[in-house]
Structures are given as C-alpha cells and as structure tokens.
Protein backbone atom coordinates (compact mmCIF):
# COMPACT_ATOMS: atom_id res chain seq x y z
CA MET A 1 -45.91 6.52 -89.61
CA ALA A 2 -43.29 7.96 -87.25
CA THR A 3 -40.69 5.26 -86.67
CA THR A 4 -38.31 6.63 -84.06
CA ARG A 5 -39.28 6.04 -80.48
CA ARG A 6 -38.64 9.72 -79.70
CA ASN A 7 -41.63 10.71 -81.83
CA PHE A 8 -44.17 8.85 -79.78
CA LEU A 9 -42.58 8.27 -76.39
CA ALA A 10 -45.12 8.60 -73.62
CA MET A 11 -43.57 8.10 -70.22
CA ALA A 12 -45.67 6.29 -67.63
CA GLY A 13 -45.19 4.65 -64.27
CA ALA A 14 -43.64 1.19 -63.87
CA SER A 15 -44.38 -1.69 -61.59
CA ALA A 16 -42.20 -4.65 -60.62
CA PRO A 17 -42.44 -7.68 -62.89
CA MET A 18 -44.02 -10.88 -61.67
CA LEU A 19 -41.75 -13.60 -60.41
CA LEU A 20 -40.42 -16.38 -62.59
CA GLY A 21 -42.91 -19.25 -62.80
CA ALA A 22 -45.89 -17.23 -61.58
CA ASP A 23 -48.10 -18.75 -64.29
CA ASP A 24 -47.16 -22.26 -63.20
CA LYS A 25 -47.97 -21.48 -59.55
CA SER A 26 -51.39 -20.20 -60.50
CA GLY A 27 -52.11 -23.28 -62.57
CA LYS A 28 -52.20 -21.41 -65.88
CA LYS A 29 -50.48 -23.05 -68.80
CA ALA A 30 -47.96 -20.89 -70.64
CA PRO A 31 -48.77 -20.15 -74.31
CA VAL A 32 -46.80 -21.88 -77.05
CA VAL A 33 -45.65 -20.19 -80.28
CA GLY A 34 -43.99 -21.45 -83.44
CA GLU A 35 -44.01 -24.92 -84.92
CA GLY A 36 -41.74 -27.75 -85.99
CA ALA A 37 -38.12 -27.27 -84.94
CA TYR A 38 -38.92 -23.71 -83.83
CA LYS A 39 -41.55 -24.19 -81.15
CA TYR A 40 -41.36 -22.30 -77.86
CA GLU A 41 -43.18 -22.00 -74.54
CA VAL A 42 -43.73 -18.32 -73.72
CA ILE A 43 -42.65 -17.32 -70.19
CA HIS A 44 -43.40 -13.64 -69.70
CA ASP A 45 -41.91 -11.56 -66.86
CA TRP A 46 -38.99 -13.92 -66.47
CA GLY A 47 -36.53 -13.32 -63.63
CA GLU A 48 -36.98 -12.59 -59.93
CA LEU A 49 -36.53 -8.83 -59.89
CA PRO A 50 -35.87 -7.38 -56.40
CA SER A 51 -38.64 -5.11 -55.12
CA ARG A 52 -36.19 -2.20 -54.90
CA ILE A 53 -35.80 -2.23 -58.71
CA LYS A 54 -38.59 -1.31 -61.10
CA TYR A 55 -37.96 -1.74 -64.79
CA GLY A 56 -38.19 1.13 -67.19
CA ASN A 57 -38.06 0.35 -70.91
CA THR A 58 -36.13 -2.91 -71.25
CA HIS A 59 -33.71 -2.26 -74.09
CA GLY A 60 -30.83 -4.75 -74.12
CA VAL A 61 -30.14 -8.39 -73.26
CA CYS A 62 -27.14 -10.73 -73.44
CA GLU A 63 -25.76 -13.94 -71.88
CA ASP A 64 -22.28 -14.66 -70.51
CA ALA A 65 -20.32 -17.93 -70.58
CA GLN A 66 -21.74 -18.93 -67.19
CA GLY A 67 -25.30 -18.66 -68.49
CA ASN A 68 -26.05 -15.45 -66.63
CA ILE A 69 -28.53 -13.13 -68.33
CA TYR A 70 -27.90 -9.36 -68.40
CA ILE A 71 -30.77 -6.89 -68.85
CA HIS A 72 -30.28 -3.20 -69.69
CA HIS A 73 -33.21 -0.90 -68.83
CA THR A 74 -33.98 2.79 -68.31
CA VAL A 75 -35.26 2.48 -64.68
CA GLY A 76 -38.96 2.81 -63.92
CA ALA A 77 -40.75 5.55 -62.04
CA GLY A 78 -40.63 4.95 -58.30
CA SER A 79 -37.68 2.56 -58.42
CA GLN A 80 -35.64 2.72 -55.22
CA SER A 81 -32.54 1.69 -57.16
CA GLY A 82 -31.16 3.56 -60.15
CA ASP A 83 -29.20 0.54 -61.43
CA THR A 84 -29.69 0.05 -65.17
CA VAL A 85 -27.93 -3.32 -65.55
CA VAL A 86 -29.60 -6.28 -63.83
CA VAL A 87 -28.00 -9.74 -63.81
CA PHE A 88 -29.81 -13.07 -63.28
CA ASP A 89 -28.53 -16.63 -63.24
CA SER A 90 -29.85 -19.13 -65.77
CA LYS A 91 -32.78 -20.00 -63.49
CA GLY A 92 -33.86 -16.39 -63.10
CA LYS A 93 -32.41 -15.78 -59.64
CA PHE A 94 -31.13 -12.24 -59.09
CA VAL A 95 -27.31 -12.02 -59.00
CA ARG A 96 -26.40 -8.31 -58.92
CA SER A 97 -27.13 -4.91 -60.45
CA TRP A 98 -25.13 -1.79 -61.33
CA GLY A 99 -24.99 1.08 -63.82
CA LYS A 100 -26.68 4.08 -62.18
CA GLN A 101 -24.75 6.41 -64.49
CA PHE A 102 -26.69 5.18 -67.53
CA GLY A 103 -30.10 6.17 -66.20
CA ALA A 104 -32.57 7.28 -68.91
CA GLY A 105 -29.99 6.52 -71.61
CA ALA A 106 -29.62 2.75 -71.23
CA HIS A 107 -29.85 1.17 -74.67
CA GLY A 108 -27.58 -1.24 -76.55
CA LEU A 109 -25.90 -4.09 -74.66
CA HIS A 110 -23.35 -6.35 -76.35
CA LEU A 111 -21.14 -9.04 -74.81
CA ASN A 112 -17.84 -10.03 -76.41
CA LYS A 113 -15.28 -12.65 -75.40
CA GLU A 114 -11.71 -11.44 -75.76
CA GLY A 115 -9.13 -14.06 -74.89
CA LYS A 116 -10.16 -15.57 -71.56
CA ASP A 117 -12.23 -12.57 -70.54
CA GLU A 118 -15.67 -11.27 -71.41
CA PHE A 119 -16.64 -7.62 -71.69
CA LEU A 120 -19.86 -5.67 -72.00
CA TYR A 121 -20.20 -2.87 -74.54
CA ILE A 122 -22.91 -0.39 -73.57
CA CYS A 123 -24.50 2.28 -75.75
CA ASP A 124 -26.01 5.16 -73.79
CA GLN A 125 -28.06 7.11 -76.31
CA MET A 126 -29.07 9.88 -73.92
CA HIS A 127 -25.55 10.79 -72.81
CA GLY A 128 -23.99 10.10 -76.21
CA ILE A 129 -21.39 7.53 -75.15
CA VAL A 130 -20.21 4.02 -75.90
CA THR A 131 -18.37 2.33 -73.05
CA LYS A 132 -16.51 -0.96 -72.57
CA ARG A 133 -17.02 -2.53 -69.13
CA THR A 134 -16.17 -5.67 -67.21
CA LEU A 135 -19.04 -7.96 -66.32
CA LYS A 136 -19.23 -6.23 -62.93
CA GLY A 137 -19.27 -2.73 -64.42
CA GLU A 138 -15.66 -1.55 -64.12
CA GLU A 139 -14.75 0.88 -66.91
CA VAL A 140 -12.18 -0.11 -69.56
CA TRP A 141 -12.75 2.86 -71.88
CA THR A 142 -15.49 5.29 -72.89
CA LEU A 143 -16.00 7.03 -76.24
CA GLY A 144 -17.97 10.22 -76.62
CA TYR A 145 -18.90 12.45 -79.54
CA PRO A 146 -17.03 11.38 -82.74
CA ALA A 147 -15.67 14.86 -83.57
CA GLU A 148 -12.86 13.31 -85.65
CA SER A 149 -15.44 11.95 -88.11
CA LYS A 150 -15.77 14.24 -91.13
CA PRO A 151 -19.59 14.62 -91.03
CA TYR A 152 -19.37 15.44 -87.31
CA ASP A 153 -16.45 17.88 -87.60
CA ARG A 154 -18.48 21.06 -87.73
CA SER A 155 -15.61 23.59 -87.50
CA GLY A 156 -17.57 26.06 -85.44
CA LYS A 157 -20.97 25.03 -86.76
CA PRO A 158 -23.59 23.43 -84.48
CA ALA A 159 -22.71 19.83 -83.65
CA LEU A 160 -24.64 17.00 -85.27
CA ASN A 161 -26.93 15.04 -82.98
CA TYR A 162 -25.16 11.91 -81.68
CA ARG A 163 -27.20 9.23 -79.90
CA PRO A 164 -25.59 5.78 -80.32
CA THR A 165 -27.91 2.80 -80.09
CA ASN A 166 -25.96 -0.41 -80.73
CA ILE A 167 -22.57 -1.93 -81.50
CA ALA A 168 -21.16 -4.90 -83.44
CA ILE A 169 -17.63 -6.31 -83.23
CA GLY A 170 -15.68 -7.80 -86.13
CA PRO A 171 -13.30 -10.80 -86.21
CA ASN A 172 -10.23 -8.54 -86.21
CA GLY A 173 -11.41 -6.49 -83.24
CA ASP A 174 -12.80 -3.61 -85.30
CA PHE A 175 -16.16 -2.49 -84.01
CA TYR A 176 -19.07 -0.58 -85.48
CA VAL A 177 -21.28 1.93 -83.67
CA ALA A 178 -24.75 2.85 -84.96
CA ASP A 179 -25.79 6.47 -84.39
CA GLY A 180 -29.36 5.26 -84.56
CA TYR A 181 -31.19 8.02 -82.70
CA GLY A 182 -28.83 10.75 -83.82
CA SER A 183 -27.69 11.40 -87.38
CA SER A 184 -28.02 7.91 -88.94
CA TYR A 185 -24.32 7.27 -89.59
CA ILE A 186 -22.29 4.19 -88.70
CA HIS A 187 -18.78 4.62 -87.29
CA GLN A 188 -16.08 1.99 -87.72
CA TYR A 189 -13.32 1.86 -85.08
CA ASN A 190 -10.26 -0.37 -84.79
CA SER A 191 -9.47 -2.53 -81.75
CA LYS A 192 -7.71 0.45 -80.13
CA ALA A 193 -10.96 2.44 -80.32
CA GLU A 194 -9.53 4.72 -83.03
CA LEU A 195 -11.92 5.91 -85.75
CA VAL A 196 -11.38 4.19 -89.10
CA SER A 197 -14.31 5.41 -91.19
CA THR A 198 -17.88 6.72 -91.20
CA PHE A 199 -20.56 5.60 -93.66
CA GLY A 200 -24.31 5.62 -94.18
CA GLY A 201 -26.00 8.89 -93.35
CA PRO A 202 -29.64 9.91 -93.62
CA GLY A 203 -31.72 8.95 -96.65
CA LYS A 204 -33.66 6.20 -98.40
CA GLU A 205 -31.28 5.26 -101.21
CA PRO A 206 -29.12 2.11 -101.08
CA GLY A 207 -26.34 2.76 -98.59
CA GLN A 208 -28.30 5.47 -96.82
CA LEU A 209 -30.02 4.93 -93.49
CA SER A 210 -32.85 6.10 -91.28
CA THR A 211 -32.55 5.10 -87.62
CA PRO A 212 -29.88 2.39 -88.02
CA HIS A 213 -30.95 0.87 -84.75
CA GLY A 214 -29.03 -2.41 -84.55
CA LEU A 215 -26.00 -4.12 -86.03
CA MET A 216 -24.58 -7.63 -86.40
CA LEU A 217 -21.29 -8.87 -87.78
CA ASP A 218 -22.55 -11.72 -89.96
CA SER A 219 -19.92 -14.46 -90.38
CA ARG A 220 -22.22 -17.15 -91.76
CA GLY A 221 -21.00 -16.76 -95.34
CA ALA A 222 -17.55 -17.04 -96.93
CA THR A 223 -17.03 -13.30 -96.43
CA PRO A 224 -18.18 -11.52 -93.26
CA VAL A 225 -20.69 -8.70 -93.78
CA LEU A 226 -22.44 -6.14 -91.59
CA LEU A 227 -26.19 -6.49 -91.05
CA VAL A 228 -27.91 -3.19 -90.28
CA ALA A 229 -31.42 -2.85 -88.86
CA ASP A 230 -32.39 0.17 -90.97
CA ARG A 231 -35.51 0.64 -88.88
CA GLY A 232 -36.73 4.01 -90.10
CA ASN A 233 -36.67 2.70 -93.66
CA ARG A 234 -38.42 -0.52 -92.55
CA ARG A 235 -35.73 -2.79 -93.93
CA ILE A 236 -32.51 -4.65 -93.23
CA GLN A 237 -29.44 -3.59 -95.20
CA ARG A 238 -26.23 -5.51 -95.74
CA PHE A 239 -22.86 -3.75 -96.03
CA THR A 240 -19.28 -4.84 -96.62
CA LEU A 241 -17.05 -4.36 -93.60
CA ASP A 242 -15.65 -1.20 -95.20
CA GLY A 243 -19.12 0.32 -95.49
CA LYS A 244 -20.24 -0.41 -99.05
CA HIS A 245 -23.90 -1.30 -99.65
CA ILE A 246 -24.53 -4.90 -100.76
CA ASP A 247 -28.29 -5.48 -100.77
CA PHE A 248 -31.52 -5.49 -98.75
CA VAL A 249 -33.16 -8.28 -96.73
CA GLU A 250 -36.95 -8.54 -96.76
CA GLY A 251 -39.35 -9.90 -94.15
CA THR A 252 -39.42 -7.42 -91.26
CA LYS A 253 -41.48 -4.33 -90.41
CA LEU A 254 -39.41 -2.31 -87.91
CA PRO A 255 -36.26 -4.40 -87.31
CA CYS A 256 -34.36 -3.51 -84.14
CA HIS A 257 -31.40 -5.85 -83.74
CA PHE A 258 -30.00 -9.35 -84.43
CA HIS A 259 -28.48 -12.39 -82.79
CA GLU A 260 -27.23 -15.55 -84.49
CA GLN A 261 -26.96 -19.18 -83.42
CA LYS A 262 -26.18 -22.19 -85.63
CA GLY A 263 -27.02 -20.24 -88.78
CA ALA A 264 -30.39 -18.93 -87.60
CA VAL A 265 -30.86 -15.24 -86.77
CA VAL A 266 -33.43 -13.84 -84.38
CA VAL A 267 -34.69 -10.35 -85.27
CA PRO A 268 -36.75 -8.44 -82.67
CA ASP A 269 -39.27 -6.45 -84.68
CA LEU A 270 -40.63 -3.42 -82.84
CA LEU A 271 -43.98 -3.82 -84.55
CA ALA A 272 -45.13 -6.63 -82.24
CA ARG A 273 -43.31 -9.78 -83.31
CA VAL A 274 -40.04 -11.71 -83.25
CA THR A 275 -38.76 -13.00 -86.59
CA LEU A 276 -36.47 -15.98 -87.21
CA MET A 277 -34.41 -16.14 -90.41
CA ASP A 278 -32.30 -18.94 -91.87
CA ARG A 279 -28.69 -18.65 -93.05
CA ASP A 280 -29.93 -17.36 -96.40
CA ASN A 281 -31.94 -14.63 -94.62
CA LYS A 282 -35.25 -16.21 -95.52
CA VAL A 283 -38.03 -16.01 -92.92
CA ILE A 284 -38.49 -19.19 -90.90
CA ALA A 285 -41.22 -17.91 -88.59
CA HIS A 286 -42.83 -14.86 -87.00
CA LEU A 287 -43.30 -15.55 -83.28
CA GLY A 288 -45.92 -13.97 -81.02
CA ASP A 289 -47.18 -11.55 -83.67
CA GLY A 290 -49.55 -9.13 -81.94
CA GLU A 291 -50.96 -7.83 -85.24
CA TYR A 292 -52.23 -4.72 -83.48
CA PRO A 293 -53.71 -1.75 -85.33
CA GLU A 294 -51.15 1.04 -85.17
CA ALA A 295 -53.13 3.21 -82.74
CA ASP A 296 -53.66 0.27 -80.37
CA TRP A 297 -49.99 -0.69 -80.57
CA ARG A 298 -48.81 2.79 -79.62
CA LYS A 299 -51.21 2.96 -76.69
CA LEU A 300 -50.68 -0.57 -75.42
CA ARG A 301 -46.94 -0.11 -74.78
CA THR A 302 -47.77 2.49 -72.10
CA GLN A 303 -50.34 0.35 -70.27
CA PRO A 304 -50.05 -1.81 -67.13
CA ARG A 305 -48.93 -5.36 -67.78
CA ASP A 306 -52.36 -6.81 -67.00
CA GLN A 307 -53.44 -5.30 -70.32
CA PHE A 308 -50.90 -7.42 -72.25
CA THR A 309 -52.15 -10.53 -74.05
CA PRO A 310 -50.21 -13.68 -73.05
CA GLY A 311 -48.20 -15.10 -75.93
CA LYS A 312 -48.29 -11.84 -77.89
CA PHE A 313 -45.44 -9.35 -78.16
CA ILE A 314 -45.88 -5.58 -78.17
CA CYS A 315 -42.55 -3.88 -78.90
CA PRO A 316 -39.63 -6.35 -79.09
CA HIS A 317 -36.46 -4.27 -78.85
CA SER A 318 -33.67 -6.80 -78.38
CA ALA A 319 -33.45 -10.60 -78.44
CA ILE A 320 -30.83 -13.32 -78.09
CA PHE A 321 -30.48 -17.08 -78.23
CA ASP A 322 -29.08 -18.52 -75.02
CA HIS A 323 -26.64 -21.45 -74.97
CA ALA A 324 -29.51 -23.98 -74.95
CA GLY A 325 -31.37 -22.47 -77.90
CA ASN A 326 -34.00 -20.66 -75.87
CA ILE A 327 -34.72 -17.05 -76.85
CA PHE A 328 -34.79 -14.07 -74.49
CA VAL A 329 -36.78 -11.03 -75.63
CA VAL A 330 -36.87 -7.59 -74.00
CA GLU A 331 -39.49 -5.03 -74.98
CA TRP A 332 -39.80 -1.27 -75.27
CA VAL A 333 -42.79 -1.02 -72.94
CA GLU A 334 -42.97 1.49 -70.09
CA VAL A 335 -43.22 -1.17 -67.37
CA GLY A 336 -40.48 -3.28 -68.94
CA ARG A 337 -40.87 -6.91 -69.92
CA VAL A 338 -38.45 -9.82 -70.19
CA THR A 339 -39.79 -12.92 -71.94
CA LYS A 340 -38.13 -16.31 -72.19
CA LEU A 341 -39.13 -18.41 -75.16
CA ARG A 342 -38.26 -21.88 -73.87
CA LYS A 343 -37.47 -24.19 -76.74
CA VAL A 344 -39.74 -27.24 -76.67
CA ALA A 345 -38.97 -28.72 -80.09
C-alpha cells in the first residue's frame, strides 16, 4: 500500500464545518467512545468557523496557556480567506486567523513555552521551511533548505527533496525537524537554530526511516528519548537524543504524531483511529476505529462530510490533550474536520 499522502492525494472542494453543538441543537446524542478512565463524548466539527474560511486538510492542532485552540489547515476550495492558522477559545468561539503565506503547505504545528512567552513552530512542507512565530503570527526566525547537512550538500548535484512535516523540542532547547515528505532524514538543531546533526535516512532497517511524519521528545523515563512516527514503515521508532536507534513500539498502523499528558500518549493513526498508550508504550485503547477497507478509506476522505459516520475517524493526522484531559483530533480529509473528544470518565 502507498503510505505517503502524495501518492493518493485527490483534491476536492471544501465546505464550512458545522457549528459547535449542532448535534445538541438537533436533539441528536453525540456518540461515546472508549471505556473506563478513557471514555469520551465525540463532538465532530468543533469550533464556530467564520463563513469566509473554508477548511482544507486539517493538519495541525495545539493549545496555549489560555486554553485557546490553534488549527493549521491547507485552505479549502472557494474559501474567501487564505488564512491557514485559525484560533478558537476553549468554548469554540472564533478568536482570530492568520498565515496566508503557508497556503497549500500548512502542516506541522507545535507550541512551546519559553520563559514567560509561548511560540508556535510551523512546518510548511510545500515551501520547505520551518518557522518560529509568536501566537499572533509575527516571525522570529525561518529556516529553509538544510544545505549544511552532509546528505543535503550536493556540491553541484541536484538537491535532495526537502519537505519538513513536524518538529519536537528538547529540554535544553535543541529541536528536531522531520523531513517526512522529503528525504526521510531528521535534523537536530541547537537553540540558536544551528544544525547539530542529521540522522535516519530512507530504509527499513533499525535507525532508517520512511516518511518520519511526527516527532515527540519523550521525557517520561529517566532519560529523555525521541519518539518518531515512522509512518511509511508502519511503526514507531525510539532514538536517543543524539540520533541512535533504541527500539520499536508496536500497536499502530500509520502513526502520524504524538502528544503526552500525565504519562499517557495520544497517537493519531492515519488509518482511521486514535490510539492511547501508557507510559510503557502499551496500548490502552483504540478510539473511533473506522475499520474501513482500504479502497473505501481512500475514497471516503474526499467525500462531503455527510458521508462520514458519527463516532468514527477517517484519517487522524494530529491530536492533543487539552488542559482538562479532553482530546482534540484534526483529520486529513478534503473538507477538514476538527473533533473534540470530551472526557466523560
């Protein structure tokens, strides 16, 4: 099966999501997924999106210290606004939008607190950049093609493809960039945005990668490690912070990214489910598993939202826990979809 979204991307029109609470207004009861301590009410199409904005593929999500939710999307066909970053308050009310310059390339979105301030790190896979921004979009710095990296220094030869997908930040300020849709390397930079090392590269052997789509700096153990969503190889890999392979983590199909809270990690799995893992990386639950045949899955992601089954995911691309333990999931579907899993147990 082809595992990179480039290989089966089928662009289609987008329509504005329904308003927050639409199911409640119509008298329909929201589905519930999970069990025990991990039970959630499924609220699809969360957030009151202005009519001037139509989602494209919803790729990234994060939350700031005020409880605001940030969505990164590629902009849908017919959208009056080209803004790729949309901000909502904790109740789903629209706050602001920005980011026209990331159109078509909007992908990874990571929020990091640095001192008293918070910053957004954006990966634009189409334009081949990683940029650090304030919460209102002001530029701090932008990195382009990593020509100083040995595999990318072509000395007159054709440049390697570079399409960064996601970023993780270490406790000392070092950060890691995944060239997930490009050449399958990971680049380590210091806090001054200077290249430290490059590791990974294409292949199936331990330490090699195929579409390293998402990253997480895992500090749950005595020694921090780097979790890599090695999506093309259908596995999660763990690395030391200097890029040495440790082992593999089982339990996912097409892992996309990670977010941790109180020892639990949420893993959006592109193949129609959201996985929760404990601090030992053992599966706690698979939430909203669509269990679609492959042909149906590929087709469904291009369809209007009235073709989506309530309570079932299609292509989870990014997911986070919010401060209250709810989970926000954004999906790689052509009309975009933001789902809140409201914790009920």
